[in-house]
């Protein structure tokens, strides 16, 4: 199993709507609204790197009012 964290920025005022949409996606473990450089943090779990990339590219980045994302993938020891 691969863990990843996606930090995202969204349009002002769209946070609650985006959080609800993210919680409805498969492989989303948790969503946190944050204060600072990014508006929220999304924890994903999937079977491999390719699935993580697919979720970010085809699901998260395509949500209305999402401006940008940055993804960190946990390195397995």
Protein backbone atom coordinates (compact mmCIF):
# COMPACT_ATOMS: atom_id res chain seq x y z
CA UNK A 1 0.00 0.00 0.00
CA UNK A 2 1.28 3.48 -0.91
CA UNK A 3 0.53 6.56 1.22
CA UNK A 4 0.52 10.05 -0.25
CA UNK A 5 -0.30 13.53 0.94
CA UNK A 6 -1.74 16.10 -1.45
CA UNK A 7 -1.58 19.76 -0.51
CA UNK A 8 -3.96 21.92 -2.45
CA UNK A 9 -5.02 25.48 -3.00
CA UNK A 10 -8.54 26.43 -3.97
CA UNK A 11 -10.63 29.47 -4.77
CA UNK A 12 -11.56 31.57 -1.75
CA UNK A 13 -14.79 30.34 -0.18
CA UNK A 14 -14.80 26.98 -1.96
CA UNK A 15 -13.14 25.02 0.87
CA UNK A 16 -16.23 23.36 2.34
CA UNK A 17 -17.54 22.24 -1.05
CA UNK A 18 -14.18 20.79 -2.07
CA UNK A 19 -13.73 18.98 1.25
CA UNK A 20 -17.10 17.25 0.81
CA UNK A 21 -16.21 16.21 -2.75
CA UNK A 22 -12.81 14.90 -1.64
CA UNK A 23 -14.35 12.84 1.17
CA UNK A 24 -16.50 11.11 -1.46
CA UNK A 25 -13.52 9.93 -3.52
CA UNK A 26 -12.19 6.40 -3.25
CA UNK A 27 -8.73 6.16 -1.69
CA UNK A 28 -9.13 9.41 0.31
CA UNK A 29 -8.34 8.54 3.91
CA UNK A 30 -8.68 12.00 5.45
CA UNK A 31 -8.95 15.68 4.57
CA UNK A 32 -7.68 18.52 6.76
CA UNK A 33 -8.31 22.23 6.22
CA UNK A 34 -5.06 24.09 6.92
CA UNK A 35 -3.79 27.61 7.52
CA UNK A 36 -0.66 28.70 5.69
CA UNK A 37 0.70 28.18 2.20
CA UNK A 38 -1.92 25.55 1.33
CA UNK A 39 -5.65 25.51 1.99
CA UNK A 40 -5.99 21.80 2.74
CA UNK A 41 -4.17 18.50 3.09
CA UNK A 42 -5.52 15.24 1.69
CA UNK A 43 -4.22 11.82 2.76
CA UNK A 44 -4.48 9.10 0.11
CA UNK A 45 -3.83 5.36 0.22
CA UNK A 46 -3.63 3.27 -2.94
CA UNK A 47 -2.03 0.08 -4.16
CA UNK A 48 0.85 1.83 -5.97
CA UNK A 49 2.40 5.06 -7.25
CA UNK A 50 0.53 4.88 -10.57
CA UNK A 51 -2.84 4.74 -8.82
CA UNK A 52 -1.89 7.77 -6.68
CA UNK A 53 -0.93 9.68 -9.82
CA UNK A 54 -4.21 8.73 -11.47
CA UNK A 55 -6.29 9.89 -8.48
CA UNK A 56 -4.49 13.23 -8.28
CA UNK A 57 -4.52 13.90 -12.03
CA UNK A 58 -7.99 12.67 -12.95
CA UNK A 59 -9.97 13.29 -9.76
CA UNK A 60 -8.49 15.91 -7.45
CA UNK A 61 -7.01 18.34 -9.99
CA UNK A 62 -10.23 18.27 -12.04
CA UNK A 63 -12.48 19.36 -9.15
CA UNK A 64 -14.09 22.73 -9.72
CA UNK A 65 -12.32 25.57 -7.85
CA UNK A 66 -9.07 23.63 -7.23
CA UNK A 67 -6.28 25.98 -8.30
CA UNK A 68 -3.15 23.89 -7.67
CA UNK A 69 -1.82 20.76 -5.98
CA UNK A 70 1.49 19.46 -4.66
CA UNK A 71 1.89 15.76 -3.90
CA UNK A 72 4.23 14.03 -1.45
CA UNK A 73 4.50 10.25 -1.63
CA UNK A 74 5.70 8.36 1.42
CA UNK A 75 8.90 6.48 0.75
CA UNK A 76 8.85 2.84 1.81
CA UNK A 77 11.84 1.79 3.92
